[in-house]
Amino acid sequence: HRTFFSLAELNSAIADLLPALNQRPFQGRSESRQSLFEALDRPALRPLPATPYVYAEWRKARPGIDYHIEIDKRLYSVPHALVGVKLDVRVTDTSVEVMHKGQRVALHSRHGKGRFVTLTEHMPKSHQAHQNWSPGRFLNWATDIGPATLDVVQRQLKDRPHPEHGYRACLGLLNLSRRYSRDRLEQACARALSINSASYQSITSILKQGLDQLPLPLTEEEPELTDLPVHTNVRGPRYYH
């Protein structure tokens, strides 16, 4: 008799006895477990997979207008033509694989920095053209024009669902500076900020109507005129607010 002090010791002893057990003929027969395995099972065996099995979770996703799907609070791009289409997504610990009608349309690594994971080939042509720009480049350009333009550009780049959406507005402002002049753009941005409407459309409207060439309304911080004649019909600007 043998005494075992752990399950590992017991299993090791059993493993030593298995070869003899498998080669022992069955009662009343000439075959053994080993001989039947060699004759029946081994010929049917297939090679093991070249790579280990990877656990994956399947999900459904529908890309938004920015051609990204959200997986665990990160956004992954798909071809922009699939915006609004329901897609199958295979998620593993290391990758995000996007399928459409059984065909893979996107593959991303789950590792990396940033909330957005975007492939250039997934972008519309108009977005691909923006790749030579960056937030820093837009901010430097706006700084050269003036503080009001810088303020507007900062607002355009802030809190966008995807940076390219802000780039489009900033490129529009750049075109306005070429069309109307840098000085007029700065004045238009100042007027847009004064009415709390610093959108590209608002600034374009101000320039088209020539409102940038009119003096800005007085602010609370600006002093009232003091050289007006004293008369009951003469009132300061506060009277009209």
C-alpha atoms as a PDB file:
ATOM      1  CA  HIS A   1       0.000   0.000   0.000  1.00  0.00           C
ATOM      2  CA  ARG A   2       1.053   3.585  -0.689  1.00  0.00           C
ATOM      3  CA  THR A   3       0.062   6.709   1.159  1.00  0.00           C
ATOM      4  CA  PHE A   4      -0.502   9.923  -0.772  1.00  0.00           C
ATOM      5  CA  PHE A   5      -0.401  13.356   0.800  1.00  0.00           C
ATOM      6  CA  SER A   6      -1.781  15.384  -2.125  1.00  0.00           C
ATOM      7  CA  LEU A   7      -3.981  15.029  -5.169  1.00  0.00           C
ATOM      8  CA  ALA A   8      -0.981  15.754  -7.391  1.00  0.00           C
ATOM      9  CA  GLU A   9       0.906  12.774  -5.937  1.00  0.00           C
ATOM     10  CA  LEU A  10      -2.102  10.511  -6.512  1.00  0.00           C
ATOM     11  CA  ASN A  11      -2.525  11.638 -10.122  1.00  0.00           C
ATOM     12  CA  SER A  12       1.167  11.098 -10.803  1.00  0.00           C
ATOM     13  CA  ALA A  13       0.963   7.509  -9.520  1.00  0.00           C
ATOM     14  CA  ILE A  14      -2.123   6.811 -11.647  1.00  0.00           C
ATOM     15  CA  ALA A  15      -0.365   8.184 -14.748  1.00  0.00           C
ATOM     16  CA  ASP A  16       2.468   5.691 -14.228  1.00  0.00           C
ATOM     17  CA  LEU A  17      -0.040   2.799 -14.302  1.00  0.00           C
ATOM     18  CA  LEU A  18      -2.010   3.938 -17.369  1.00  0.00           C
ATOM     19  CA  PRO A  19       0.301   2.538 -20.123  1.00  0.00           C
ATOM     20  CA  ALA A  20       0.061  -1.001 -18.706  1.00  0.00           C
ATOM     21  CA  LEU A  21      -3.709  -0.672 -18.244  1.00  0.00           C
ATOM     22  CA  ASN A  22      -4.258   0.542 -21.814  1.00  0.00           C
ATOM     23  CA  GLN A  23      -2.198  -2.307 -23.261  1.00  0.00           C
ATOM     24  CA  ARG A  24      -3.965  -5.027 -21.246  1.00  0.00           C
ATOM     25  CA  PRO A  25      -6.321  -7.075 -23.504  1.00  0.00           C
ATOM     26  CA  PHE A  26     -10.036  -6.887 -22.821  1.00  0.00           C
ATOM     27  CA  GLN A  27     -11.483  -9.929 -21.092  1.00  0.00           C
ATOM     28  CA  GLY A  28     -12.152 -12.626 -23.678  1.00  0.00           C
ATOM     29  CA  ARG A  29     -10.732 -10.547 -26.530  1.00  0.00           C
ATOM     30  CA  SER A  30      -7.326  -9.990 -28.092  1.00  0.00           C
ATOM     31  CA  GLU A  31      -7.688  -6.202 -28.498  1.00  0.00           C
ATOM     32  CA  SER A  32      -6.628  -3.665 -25.912  1.00  0.00           C
ATOM     33  CA  ARG A  33      -7.522  -0.056 -25.411  1.00  0.00           C
ATOM     34  CA  GLN A  34      -4.233   0.961 -27.006  1.00  0.00           C
ATOM     35  CA  SER A  35      -4.651  -1.280 -30.086  1.00  0.00           C
ATOM     36  CA  LEU A  36      -8.198  -0.047 -30.739  1.00  0.00           C
ATOM     37  CA  PHE A  37      -7.054   3.552 -30.401  1.00  0.00           C
ATOM     38  CA  GLU A  38      -4.302   2.975 -32.979  1.00  0.00           C
ATOM     39  CA  ALA A  39      -6.689   1.199 -35.373  1.00  0.00           C
ATOM     40  CA  LEU A  40      -9.787   3.398 -35.064  1.00  0.00           C
ATOM     41  CA  ASP A  41      -9.122   6.737 -33.422  1.00  0.00           C
ATOM     42  CA  ARG A  42      -5.664   7.809 -34.514  1.00  0.00           C
ATOM     43  CA  PRO A  43      -6.425   7.700 -38.283  1.00  0.00           C
ATOM     44  CA  ALA A  44      -9.385  10.042 -37.726  1.00  0.00           C
ATOM     45  CA  LEU A  45      -7.444  12.594 -35.704  1.00  0.00           C
ATOM     46  CA  ARG A  46      -6.765  16.027 -37.176  1.00  0.00           C
ATOM     47  CA  PRO A  47      -3.851  18.341 -36.406  1.00  0.00           C
ATOM     48  CA  LEU A  48      -4.336  20.785 -33.566  1.00  0.00           C
ATOM     49  CA  PRO A  49      -5.119  24.393 -34.585  1.00  0.00           C
ATOM     50  CA  ALA A  50      -2.078  26.470 -35.417  1.00  0.00           C
ATOM     51  CA  THR A  51      -3.223  29.095 -32.909  1.00  0.00           C
ATOM     52  CA  PRO A  52      -4.908  28.625 -29.526  1.00  0.00           C
ATOM     53  CA  TYR A  53      -8.673  29.051 -29.256  1.00  0.00           C
ATOM     54  CA  VAL A  54      -9.653  32.663 -28.589  1.00  0.00           C
ATOM     55  CA  TYR A  55     -12.823  33.440 -26.676  1.00  0.00           C
ATOM     56  CA  ALA A  56     -14.952  36.004 -28.509  1.00  0.00           C
ATOM     57  CA  GLU A  57     -18.190  37.820 -27.777  1.00  0.00           C
ATOM     58  CA  TRP A  58     -20.579  38.713 -30.604  1.00  0.00           C
ATOM     59  CA  ARG A  59     -22.479  41.992 -30.526  1.00  0.00           C
ATOM     60  CA  LYS A  60     -24.664  44.128 -32.784  1.00  0.00           C
ATOM     61  CA  ALA A  61     -23.742  47.727 -33.596  1.00  0.00           C
ATOM     62  CA  ARG A  62     -24.961  50.494 -35.870  1.00  0.00           C
ATOM     63  CA  PRO A  63     -22.407  53.188 -36.840  1.00  0.00           C
ATOM     64  CA  GLY A  64     -23.428  56.788 -36.322  1.00  0.00           C
ATOM     65  CA  ILE A  65     -22.992  59.722 -38.657  1.00  0.00           C
ATOM     66  CA  ASP A  66     -19.289  59.835 -37.752  1.00  0.00           C
ATOM     67  CA  TYR A  67     -18.885  56.249 -39.139  1.00  0.00           C
ATOM     68  CA  HIS A  68     -17.798  54.839 -35.762  1.00  0.00           C
ATOM     69  CA  ILE A  69     -19.265  52.123 -33.552  1.00  0.00           C
ATOM     70  CA  GLU A  70     -18.972  52.155 -29.767  1.00  0.00           C
ATOM     71  CA  ILE A  71     -17.494  49.160 -27.954  1.00  0.00           C
ATOM     72  CA  ASP A  72     -16.891  49.515 -24.220  1.00  0.00           C
ATOM     73  CA  LYS A  73     -16.714  53.325 -24.358  1.00  0.00           C
ATOM     74  CA  ARG A  74     -14.236  53.396 -27.261  1.00  0.00           C
ATOM     75  CA  LEU A  75     -15.173  54.297 -30.831  1.00  0.00           C
ATOM     76  CA  TYR A  76     -13.947  52.259 -33.809  1.00  0.00           C
ATOM     77  CA  SER A  77     -14.287  53.308 -37.443  1.00  0.00           C
ATOM     78  CA  VAL A  78     -15.999  51.364 -40.225  1.00  0.00           C
ATOM     79  CA  PRO A  79     -16.244  52.232 -43.941  1.00  0.00           C
ATOM     80  CA  HIS A  80     -18.312  55.426 -44.133  1.00  0.00           C
ATOM     81  CA  ALA A  81     -20.674  53.824 -46.675  1.00  0.00           C
ATOM     82  CA  LEU A  82     -22.012  51.624 -43.832  1.00  0.00           C
ATOM     83  CA  VAL A  83     -23.348  54.505 -41.712  1.00  0.00           C
ATOM     84  CA  GLY A  84     -26.690  53.457 -40.217  1.00  0.00           C
ATOM     85  CA  VAL A  85     -26.322  49.782 -41.207  1.00  0.00           C
ATOM     86  CA  LYS A  86     -26.644  47.111 -38.500  1.00  0.00           C
ATOM     87  CA  LEU A  87     -23.330  45.238 -38.235  1.00  0.00           C
ATOM     88  CA  ASP A  88     -22.047  42.153 -36.414  1.00  0.00           C
ATOM     89  CA  VAL A  89     -19.047  42.743 -34.174  1.00  0.00           C
ATOM     90  CA  ARG A  90     -16.688  40.047 -32.871  1.00  0.00           C
ATOM     91  CA  VAL A  91     -14.960  41.309 -29.735  1.00  0.00           C
ATOM     92  CA  THR A  92     -11.964  39.599 -28.120  1.00  0.00           C
ATOM     93  CA  ASP A  93      -9.489  40.726 -25.481  1.00  0.00           C
ATOM     94  CA  THR A  94      -7.185  42.072 -28.199  1.00  0.00           C
ATOM     95  CA  SER A  95      -9.288  42.950 -31.241  1.00  0.00           C
ATOM     96  CA  VAL A  96     -12.563  44.311 -32.621  1.00  0.00           C
ATOM     97  CA  GLU A  97     -13.661  42.666 -35.880  1.00  0.00           C
ATOM     98  CA  VAL A  98     -16.626  44.165 -37.743  1.00  0.00           C
ATOM     99  CA  MET A  99     -18.667  41.992 -40.129  1.00  0.00           C
ATOM    100  CA  HIS A 100     -21.280  42.876 -42.758  1.00  0.00           C
ATOM    101  CA  LYS A 101     -23.217  40.033 -44.382  1.00  0.00           C
ATOM    102  CA  GLY A 102     -20.552  37.567 -43.296  1.00  0.00           C
ATOM    103  CA  GLN A 103     -17.652  39.596 -44.702  1.00  0.00           C
ATOM    104  CA  ARG A 104     -15.103  41.384 -42.561  1.00  0.00           C
ATOM    105  CA  VAL A 105     -15.189  45.137 -43.205  1.00  0.00           C
ATOM    106  CA  ALA A 106     -12.972  46.400 -40.361  1.00  0.00           C
ATOM    107  CA  LEU A 107     -10.403  45.057 -37.911  1.00  0.00           C
ATOM    108  CA  HIS A 108      -9.005  47.083 -35.014  1.00  0.00           C
ATOM    109  CA  SER A 109      -6.678  46.409 -32.117  1.00  0.00           C
ATOM    110  CA  ARG A 110      -8.230  47.080 -28.712  1.00  0.00           C
ATOM    111  CA  HIS A 111      -4.930  48.409 -27.408  1.00  0.00           C
ATOM    112  CA  GLY A 112      -3.834  51.994 -27.865  1.00  0.00           C
ATOM    113  CA  LYS A 113      -4.482  55.489 -26.619  1.00  0.00           C
ATOM    114  CA  GLY A 114      -7.395  57.793 -27.268  1.00  0.00           C
ATOM    115  CA  ARG A 115     -11.138  57.251 -27.388  1.00  0.00           C
ATOM    116  CA  PHE A 116     -11.293  57.180 -31.199  1.00  0.00           C
ATOM    117  CA  VAL A 117      -9.678  54.445 -33.307  1.00  0.00           C
ATOM    118  CA  THR A 118      -9.917  55.576 -36.925  1.00  0.00           C
ATOM    119  CA  LEU A 119      -8.503  54.152 -40.159  1.00  0.00           C
ATOM    120  CA  THR A 120      -7.910  56.608 -42.992  1.00  0.00           C
ATOM    121  CA  GLU A 121      -9.439  54.294 -45.594  1.00  0.00           C
ATOM    122  CA  HIS A 122     -12.747  54.397 -43.708  1.00  0.00           C
ATOM    123  CA  MET A 123     -13.065  58.173 -44.048  1.00  0.00           C
ATOM    124  CA  PRO A 124     -14.997  60.013 -46.753  1.00  0.00           C
ATOM    125  CA  LYS A 125     -12.733  61.742 -49.271  1.00  0.00           C
ATOM    126  CA  SER A 126     -13.528  65.103 -47.693  1.00  0.00           C
ATOM    127  CA  HIS A 127     -12.254  63.881 -44.307  1.00  0.00           C
ATOM    128  CA  GLN A 128      -9.131  62.317 -45.806  1.00  0.00           C
ATOM    129  CA  ALA A 129      -8.230  65.727 -47.199  1.00  0.00           C
ATOM    130  CA  HIS A 130      -8.127  67.057 -43.612  1.00  0.00           C
ATOM    131  CA  GLN A 131      -5.339  64.702 -42.533  1.00  0.00           C
ATOM    132  CA  ASN A 132      -2.671  67.367 -43.175  1.00  0.00           C
ATOM    133  CA  TRP A 133      -4.307  69.564 -40.540  1.00  0.00           C
ATOM    134  CA  SER A 134      -4.225  69.333 -36.772  1.00  0.00           C
ATOM    135  CA  PRO A 135      -5.803  71.304 -33.896  1.00  0.00           C
ATOM    136  CA  GLY A 136      -2.447  72.962 -33.230  1.00  0.00           C
ATOM    137  CA  ARG A 137      -2.139  74.142 -36.805  1.00  0.00           C
ATOM    138  CA  PHE A 138      -5.629  75.646 -36.764  1.00  0.00           C
ATOM    139  CA  LEU A 139      -4.947  77.390 -33.449  1.00  0.00           C
ATOM    140  CA  ASN A 140      -1.667  78.875 -34.713  1.00  0.00           C
ATOM    141  CA  TRP A 141      -3.417  80.173 -37.826  1.00  0.00           C
ATOM    142  CA  ALA A 142      -6.223  81.716 -35.746  1.00  0.00           C
ATOM    143  CA  THR A 143      -3.742  83.317 -33.328  1.00  0.00           C
ATOM    144  CA  ASP A 144      -2.089  85.130 -36.236  1.00  0.00           C
ATOM    145  CA  ILE A 145      -5.440  86.671 -37.219  1.00  0.00           C
ATOM    146  CA  GLY A 146      -6.655  87.822 -33.819  1.00  0.00           C
ATOM    147  CA  PRO A 147      -8.164  86.933 -30.430  1.00  0.00           C
ATOM    148  CA  ALA A 148     -11.761  86.754 -31.664  1.00  0.00           C
ATOM    149  CA  THR A 149     -10.874  84.302 -34.447  1.00  0.00           C
ATOM    150  CA  LEU A 150      -8.866  82.237 -31.965  1.00  0.00           C
ATOM    151  CA  ASP A 151     -11.855  82.100 -29.605  1.00  0.00           C
ATOM    152  CA  VAL A 152     -14.141  80.911 -32.420  1.00  0.00           C
ATOM    153  CA  VAL A 153     -11.689  78.219 -33.578  1.00  0.00           C
ATOM    154  CA  GLN A 154     -11.270  76.952 -30.021  1.00  0.00           C
ATOM    155  CA  ARG A 155     -15.049  76.594 -29.751  1.00  0.00           C
ATOM    156  CA  GLN A 156     -15.215  74.735 -33.061  1.00  0.00           C
ATOM    157  CA  LEU A 157     -12.583  72.209 -31.941  1.00  0.00           C
ATOM    158  CA  LYS A 158     -14.051  71.667 -28.479  1.00  0.00           C
ATOM    159  CA  ASP A 159     -16.397  68.815 -27.534  1.00  0.00           C
ATOM    160  CA  ARG A 160     -16.861  67.472 -31.057  1.00  0.00           C
ATOM    161  CA  PRO A 161     -17.921  63.819 -31.517  1.00  0.00           C
ATOM    162  CA  HIS A 162     -14.991  63.516 -33.921  1.00  0.00           C
ATOM    163  CA  PRO A 163     -12.170  66.022 -34.646  1.00  0.00           C
ATOM    164  CA  GLU A 164     -12.874  66.120 -38.397  1.00  0.00           C
ATOM    165  CA  HIS A 165     -16.252  67.725 -37.722  1.00  0.00           C
ATOM    166  CA  GLY A 166     -14.443  70.700 -36.184  1.00  0.00           C
ATOM    167  CA  TYR A 167     -11.860  70.706 -38.982  1.00  0.00           C
ATOM    168  CA  ARG A 168     -14.557  71.302 -41.581  1.00  0.00           C
ATOM    169  CA  ALA A 169     -15.782  74.447 -39.828  1.00  0.00           C
ATOM    170  CA  CYS A 170     -12.215  75.704 -39.323  1.00  0.00           C
ATOM    171  CA  LEU A 171     -11.367  75.153 -42.980  1.00  0.00           C
ATOM    172  CA  GLY A 172     -14.500  77.106 -43.816  1.00  0.00           C
ATOM    173  CA  LEU A 173     -13.237  80.009 -41.692  1.00  0.00           C
ATOM    174  CA  LEU A 174      -9.890  79.806 -43.482  1.00  0.00           C
ATOM    175  CA  ASN A 175     -11.666  80.151 -46.818  1.00  0.00           C
ATOM    176  CA  LEU A 176     -13.600  83.154 -45.488  1.00  0.00           C
ATOM    177  CA  SER A 177     -10.337  84.885 -44.555  1.00  0.00           C
ATOM    178  CA  ARG A 178      -9.156  84.461 -48.145  1.00  0.00           C
ATOM    179  CA  ARG A 179     -12.434  85.650 -49.612  1.00  0.00           C
ATOM    180  CA  TYR A 180     -13.121  88.649 -47.367  1.00  0.00           C
ATOM    181  CA  SER A 181      -9.656  89.342 -45.806  1.00  0.00           C
ATOM    182  CA  ARG A 182      -8.219  88.445 -42.427  1.00  0.00           C
ATOM    183  CA  ASP A 183      -9.226  91.771 -40.865  1.00  0.00           C
ATOM    184  CA  ARG A 184     -12.873  91.369 -41.839  1.00  0.00           C
ATOM    185  CA  LEU A 185     -12.926  87.797 -40.532  1.00  0.00           C
ATOM    186  CA  GLU A 186     -11.589  88.992 -37.167  1.00  0.00           C
ATOM    187  CA  GLN A 187     -14.295  91.671 -36.966  1.00  0.00           C
ATOM    188  CA  ALA A 188     -16.981  89.168 -37.984  1.00  0.00           C
ATOM    189  CA  CYS A 189     -15.826  86.735 -35.295  1.00  0.00           C
ATOM    190  CA  ALA A 190     -15.912  89.525 -32.708  1.00  0.00           C
ATOM    191  CA  ARG A 191     -19.491  90.411 -33.680  1.00  0.00           C
ATOM    192  CA  ALA A 192     -20.536  86.737 -33.654  1.00  0.00           C
ATOM    193  CA  LEU A 193     -19.113  86.324 -30.156  1.00  0.00           C
ATOM    194  CA  SER A 194     -20.888  89.471 -28.964  1.00  0.00           C
ATOM    195  CA  ILE A 195     -24.258  87.956 -29.922  1.00  0.00           C
ATOM    196  CA  ASN A 196     -23.276  84.481 -28.665  1.00  0.00           C
ATOM    197  CA  SER A 197     -23.599  82.926 -32.121  1.00  0.00           C
ATOM    198  CA  ALA A 198     -20.088  81.848 -33.101  1.00  0.00           C
ATOM    199  CA  SER A 199     -21.049  79.258 -35.721  1.00  0.00           C
ATOM    200  CA  TYR A 200     -19.581  79.134 -39.210  1.00  0.00           C
ATOM    201  CA  GLN A 201     -23.004  79.886 -40.686  1.00  0.00           C
ATOM    202  CA  SER A 202     -23.456  82.953 -38.474  1.00  0.00           C
ATOM    203  CA  ILE A 203     -20.021  84.362 -39.336  1.00  0.00           C
ATOM    204  CA  THR A 204     -20.659  83.790 -43.046  1.00  0.00           C
ATOM    205  CA  SER A 205     -23.952  85.683 -42.772  1.00  0.00           C
ATOM    206  CA  ILE A 206     -22.271  88.596 -40.964  1.00  0.00           C
ATOM    207  CA  LEU A 207     -19.682  88.917 -43.734  1.00  0.00           C
ATOM    208  CA  LYS A 208     -22.233  88.653 -46.544  1.00  0.00           C
ATOM    209  CA  GLN A 209     -24.342  91.427 -45.016  1.00  0.00           C
ATOM    210  CA  GLY A 210     -21.349  93.609 -44.190  1.00  0.00           C
ATOM    211  CA  LEU A 211     -22.265  93.692 -40.504  1.00  0.00           C
ATOM    212  CA  ASP A 212     -18.601  93.224 -39.591  1.00  0.00           C
ATOM    213  CA  GLN A 213     -17.949  96.784 -40.831  1.00  0.00           C
ATOM    214  CA  LEU A 214     -20.395  98.298 -38.355  1.00  0.00           C
ATOM    215  CA  PRO A 215     -19.254  99.304 -34.850  1.00  0.00           C
ATOM    216  CA  LEU A 216     -19.902  96.764 -32.145  1.00  0.00           C
ATOM    217  CA  PRO A 217     -22.564  97.626 -29.533  1.00  0.00           C
ATOM    218  CA  LEU A 218     -21.335  99.020 -26.226  1.00  0.00           C
ATOM    219  CA  THR A 219     -20.710  96.475 -23.493  1.00  0.00           C
ATOM    220  CA  GLU A 220     -21.386  96.899 -19.795  1.00  0.00           C
ATOM    221  CA  GLU A 221     -17.677  97.510 -19.196  1.00  0.00           C
ATOM    222  CA  GLU A 222     -17.429 100.396 -21.680  1.00  0.00           C
ATOM    223  CA  PRO A 223     -18.006 103.898 -20.189  1.00  0.00           C
ATOM    224  CA  GLU A 224     -20.950 105.926 -21.322  1.00  0.00           C
ATOM    225  CA  LEU A 225     -20.360 109.143 -23.222  1.00  0.00           C
ATOM    226  CA  THR A 226     -20.081 112.119 -20.860  1.00  0.00           C
ATOM    227  CA  ASP A 227     -19.869 115.000 -23.337  1.00  0.00           C
ATOM    228  CA  LEU A 228     -23.542 114.935 -24.319  1.00  0.00           C
ATOM    229  CA  PRO A 229     -25.570 118.045 -23.602  1.00  0.00           C
ATOM    230  CA  VAL A 230     -27.817 117.902 -20.579  1.00  0.00           C
ATOM    231  CA  HIS A 231     -31.389 117.603 -21.819  1.00  0.00           C
ATOM    232  CA  THR A 232     -34.457 115.613 -20.805  1.00  0.00           C
ATOM    233  CA  ASN A 233     -34.638 114.044 -24.267  1.00  0.00           C
ATOM    234  CA  VAL A 234     -30.996 112.853 -24.251  1.00  0.00           C
ATOM    235  CA  ARG A 235     -30.588 109.439 -22.662  1.00  0.00           C
ATOM    236  CA  GLY A 236     -27.634 107.121 -22.248  1.00  0.00           C
ATOM    237  CA  PRO A 237     -27.355 103.656 -23.880  1.00  0.00           C
ATOM    238  CA  ARG A 238     -28.607 101.885 -20.746  1.00  0.00           C
ATOM    239  CA  TYR A 239     -32.035 103.380 -21.346  1.00  0.00           C
ATOM    240  CA  TYR A 240     -32.486 101.190 -24.429  1.00  0.00           C
ATOM    241  CA  HIS A 241     -31.605  97.849 -22.750  1.00  0.00           C
END
